[in-house]
N, C-alpha and C. Protein backbone atom coordinates (compact mmCIF):
# COMPACT_ATOMS: atom_id res chain seq x y z
N MET A 1 141.32 25.78 113.19
CA MET A 1 139.92 25.97 112.89
C MET A 1 139.76 25.98 111.38
N PHE A 2 138.64 25.40 110.91
CA PHE A 2 138.33 25.44 109.49
C PHE A 2 136.85 25.67 109.30
N ALA A 3 136.46 26.16 108.12
CA ALA A 3 135.07 26.49 107.84
C ALA A 3 134.66 25.91 106.50
N ARG A 4 133.40 25.47 106.44
CA ARG A 4 132.84 24.91 105.21
C ARG A 4 131.46 25.51 104.96
N ALA A 5 131.18 25.82 103.70
CA ALA A 5 129.88 26.39 103.33
C ALA A 5 128.99 25.31 102.73
N TYR A 6 127.71 25.38 103.08
CA TYR A 6 126.72 24.40 102.63
C TYR A 6 125.49 25.12 102.10
N HIS A 7 124.76 24.43 101.21
CA HIS A 7 123.47 24.97 100.75
C HIS A 7 122.50 25.05 101.93
N THR A 8 122.51 23.99 102.77
CA THR A 8 121.58 23.90 103.90
C THR A 8 122.30 23.32 105.11
N ILE A 9 122.07 23.93 106.27
CA ILE A 9 122.55 23.36 107.54
C ILE A 9 121.32 23.15 108.41
N ILE A 10 121.14 21.91 108.86
CA ILE A 10 120.05 21.59 109.79
C ILE A 10 120.65 21.62 111.19
N LEU A 11 120.17 22.53 112.01
CA LEU A 11 120.69 22.73 113.36
C LEU A 11 120.15 21.66 114.32
N PRO A 12 120.81 21.48 115.47
CA PRO A 12 120.37 20.45 116.42
C PRO A 12 118.90 20.59 116.85
N ASP A 13 118.35 21.81 116.82
CA ASP A 13 116.95 22.00 117.20
C ASP A 13 116.00 21.81 116.02
N ALA A 14 116.53 21.31 114.88
CA ALA A 14 115.80 21.02 113.64
C ALA A 14 115.45 22.27 112.83
N SER A 15 115.89 23.46 113.26
CA SER A 15 115.71 24.64 112.42
C SER A 15 116.72 24.56 111.27
N VAL A 16 116.47 25.33 110.22
CA VAL A 16 117.26 25.23 109.00
C VAL A 16 117.87 26.57 108.65
N MET A 17 119.14 26.55 108.27
CA MET A 17 119.82 27.74 107.73
C MET A 17 120.16 27.44 106.27
N LYS A 18 119.80 28.34 105.40
CA LYS A 18 120.13 28.20 103.98
C LYS A 18 121.39 29.01 103.68
N MET A 19 122.22 28.51 102.79
CA MET A 19 123.45 29.19 102.38
C MET A 19 124.21 29.65 103.62
N ALA A 20 124.81 28.69 104.32
CA ALA A 20 125.45 28.99 105.61
C ALA A 20 126.83 28.38 105.71
N VAL A 21 127.61 28.89 106.65
CA VAL A 21 128.97 28.44 106.90
C VAL A 21 129.01 27.77 108.27
N ALA A 22 129.59 26.58 108.34
CA ALA A 22 129.80 25.88 109.60
C ALA A 22 131.29 25.93 109.93
N CYS A 23 131.60 26.27 111.17
CA CYS A 23 132.99 26.34 111.62
C CYS A 23 133.28 25.18 112.57
N PHE A 24 134.45 24.59 112.42
CA PHE A 24 134.87 23.44 113.20
C PHE A 24 136.24 23.70 113.80
N ASP A 25 136.50 23.14 114.99
CA ASP A 25 137.84 23.27 115.56
C ASP A 25 138.77 22.25 114.90
N ASP A 26 140.02 22.24 115.29
CA ASP A 26 141.01 21.35 114.66
C ASP A 26 140.71 19.88 114.89
N ALA A 27 139.92 19.55 115.91
CA ALA A 27 139.55 18.17 116.19
C ALA A 27 138.30 17.75 115.40
N GLY A 28 137.72 18.69 114.65
CA GLY A 28 136.54 18.39 113.86
C GLY A 28 135.23 18.60 114.59
N CYS A 29 135.28 19.22 115.77
CA CYS A 29 134.07 19.49 116.55
C CYS A 29 133.40 20.76 116.03
N PHE A 30 132.10 20.71 115.83
CA PHE A 30 131.34 21.87 115.40
C PHE A 30 131.43 22.95 116.47
N VAL A 31 131.70 24.18 116.04
CA VAL A 31 131.85 25.29 116.97
C VAL A 31 130.76 26.34 116.77
N ASP A 32 130.48 26.70 115.53
CA ASP A 32 129.57 27.81 115.26
C ASP A 32 129.10 27.74 113.82
N CYS A 33 128.05 28.50 113.52
CA CYS A 33 127.63 28.65 112.13
C CYS A 33 127.02 30.04 111.95
N HIS A 34 127.03 30.48 110.70
CA HIS A 34 126.46 31.79 110.39
C HIS A 34 126.04 31.81 108.93
N PRO A 35 125.12 32.70 108.57
CA PRO A 35 124.70 32.80 107.18
C PRO A 35 125.87 33.24 106.29
N LEU A 36 125.90 32.74 105.09
CA LEU A 36 126.91 33.13 104.12
C LEU A 36 126.42 34.39 103.43
N GLY A 37 127.00 35.53 103.82
CA GLY A 37 126.55 36.80 103.27
C GLY A 37 127.19 37.14 101.95
N SER A 38 128.45 36.79 101.81
CA SER A 38 129.21 37.04 100.59
C SER A 38 130.39 36.07 100.59
N GLU A 39 131.21 36.16 99.59
CA GLU A 39 132.38 35.28 99.53
C GLU A 39 133.28 35.56 100.73
N GLU A 40 133.69 34.49 101.42
CA GLU A 40 134.54 34.63 102.60
C GLU A 40 135.87 33.93 102.35
N PRO A 41 136.96 34.50 102.84
CA PRO A 41 138.26 33.85 102.66
C PRO A 41 138.36 32.59 103.52
N PHE A 42 139.09 31.63 103.03
CA PHE A 42 139.40 30.39 103.75
C PHE A 42 138.17 29.56 104.09
N VAL A 43 137.12 29.66 103.29
CA VAL A 43 135.93 28.83 103.48
C VAL A 43 135.84 27.88 102.30
N GLU A 44 135.79 26.59 102.61
CA GLU A 44 135.67 25.56 101.58
C GLU A 44 134.19 25.39 101.23
N TRP A 45 133.86 25.50 99.94
CA TRP A 45 132.49 25.29 99.50
C TRP A 45 132.26 23.79 99.35
N VAL A 46 131.31 23.24 100.12
CA VAL A 46 130.99 21.83 100.06
C VAL A 46 129.67 21.64 99.32
N GLY A 47 128.73 22.54 99.56
CA GLY A 47 127.40 22.38 98.98
C GLY A 47 126.62 21.32 99.74
N GLY A 48 125.47 20.96 99.24
CA GLY A 48 124.68 19.92 99.87
C GLY A 48 124.14 20.34 101.23
N THR A 49 123.90 19.33 102.07
CA THR A 49 123.29 19.54 103.38
C THR A 49 124.17 19.00 104.48
N LEU A 50 124.33 19.77 105.54
CA LEU A 50 124.99 19.32 106.76
C LEU A 50 123.91 19.19 107.82
N ASP A 51 123.73 17.99 108.35
CA ASP A 51 122.72 17.75 109.39
C ASP A 51 123.43 17.64 110.73
N LEU A 52 123.42 18.70 111.51
CA LEU A 52 124.12 18.72 112.80
C LEU A 52 123.46 17.80 113.83
N ARG A 53 122.23 17.36 113.57
CA ARG A 53 121.59 16.42 114.49
C ARG A 53 122.29 15.07 114.45
N LYS A 54 123.04 14.79 113.39
CA LYS A 54 123.71 13.51 113.23
C LYS A 54 125.18 13.55 113.65
N ILE A 55 125.67 14.73 114.01
CA ILE A 55 127.07 14.87 114.39
C ILE A 55 127.20 14.70 115.90
N LYS A 56 128.04 13.81 116.33
CA LYS A 56 128.22 13.53 117.76
C LYS A 56 129.14 14.54 118.43
N LYS A 57 130.00 15.22 117.68
CA LYS A 57 131.00 16.13 118.24
C LYS A 57 130.53 17.58 118.22
N VAL A 58 129.35 17.85 118.73
CA VAL A 58 128.88 19.24 118.82
C VAL A 58 129.26 19.76 120.19
N LEU A 59 130.06 20.81 120.22
CA LEU A 59 130.51 21.38 121.49
C LEU A 59 129.36 22.05 122.23
N PRO A 60 129.31 21.94 123.54
CA PRO A 60 128.27 22.63 124.30
C PRO A 60 128.33 24.13 124.04
N GLY A 61 127.19 24.73 123.82
CA GLY A 61 127.13 26.17 123.56
C GLY A 61 127.70 26.53 122.21
N GLY A 62 127.74 25.57 121.28
CA GLY A 62 128.38 25.78 120.00
C GLY A 62 127.58 26.60 119.02
N LEU A 63 126.38 26.99 119.37
CA LEU A 63 125.58 27.81 118.46
C LEU A 63 125.49 29.22 118.98
N SER A 64 125.61 30.16 118.06
CA SER A 64 125.49 31.56 118.49
C SER A 64 124.08 32.03 118.29
């Protein structure tokens, strides 16, 4: 599993999370996301925008 932080994450339902972390499994499938509250270990800062509506590998029930 790996995690990346973005300025903006656009969720599949078109809602927006600002300053958030997206978690992916080892195959690169989106698993979960959460707001970035403070510095987190093992999170790669990417910046920019992640649009989950364009990702084909979203696991069912992948949003908390």
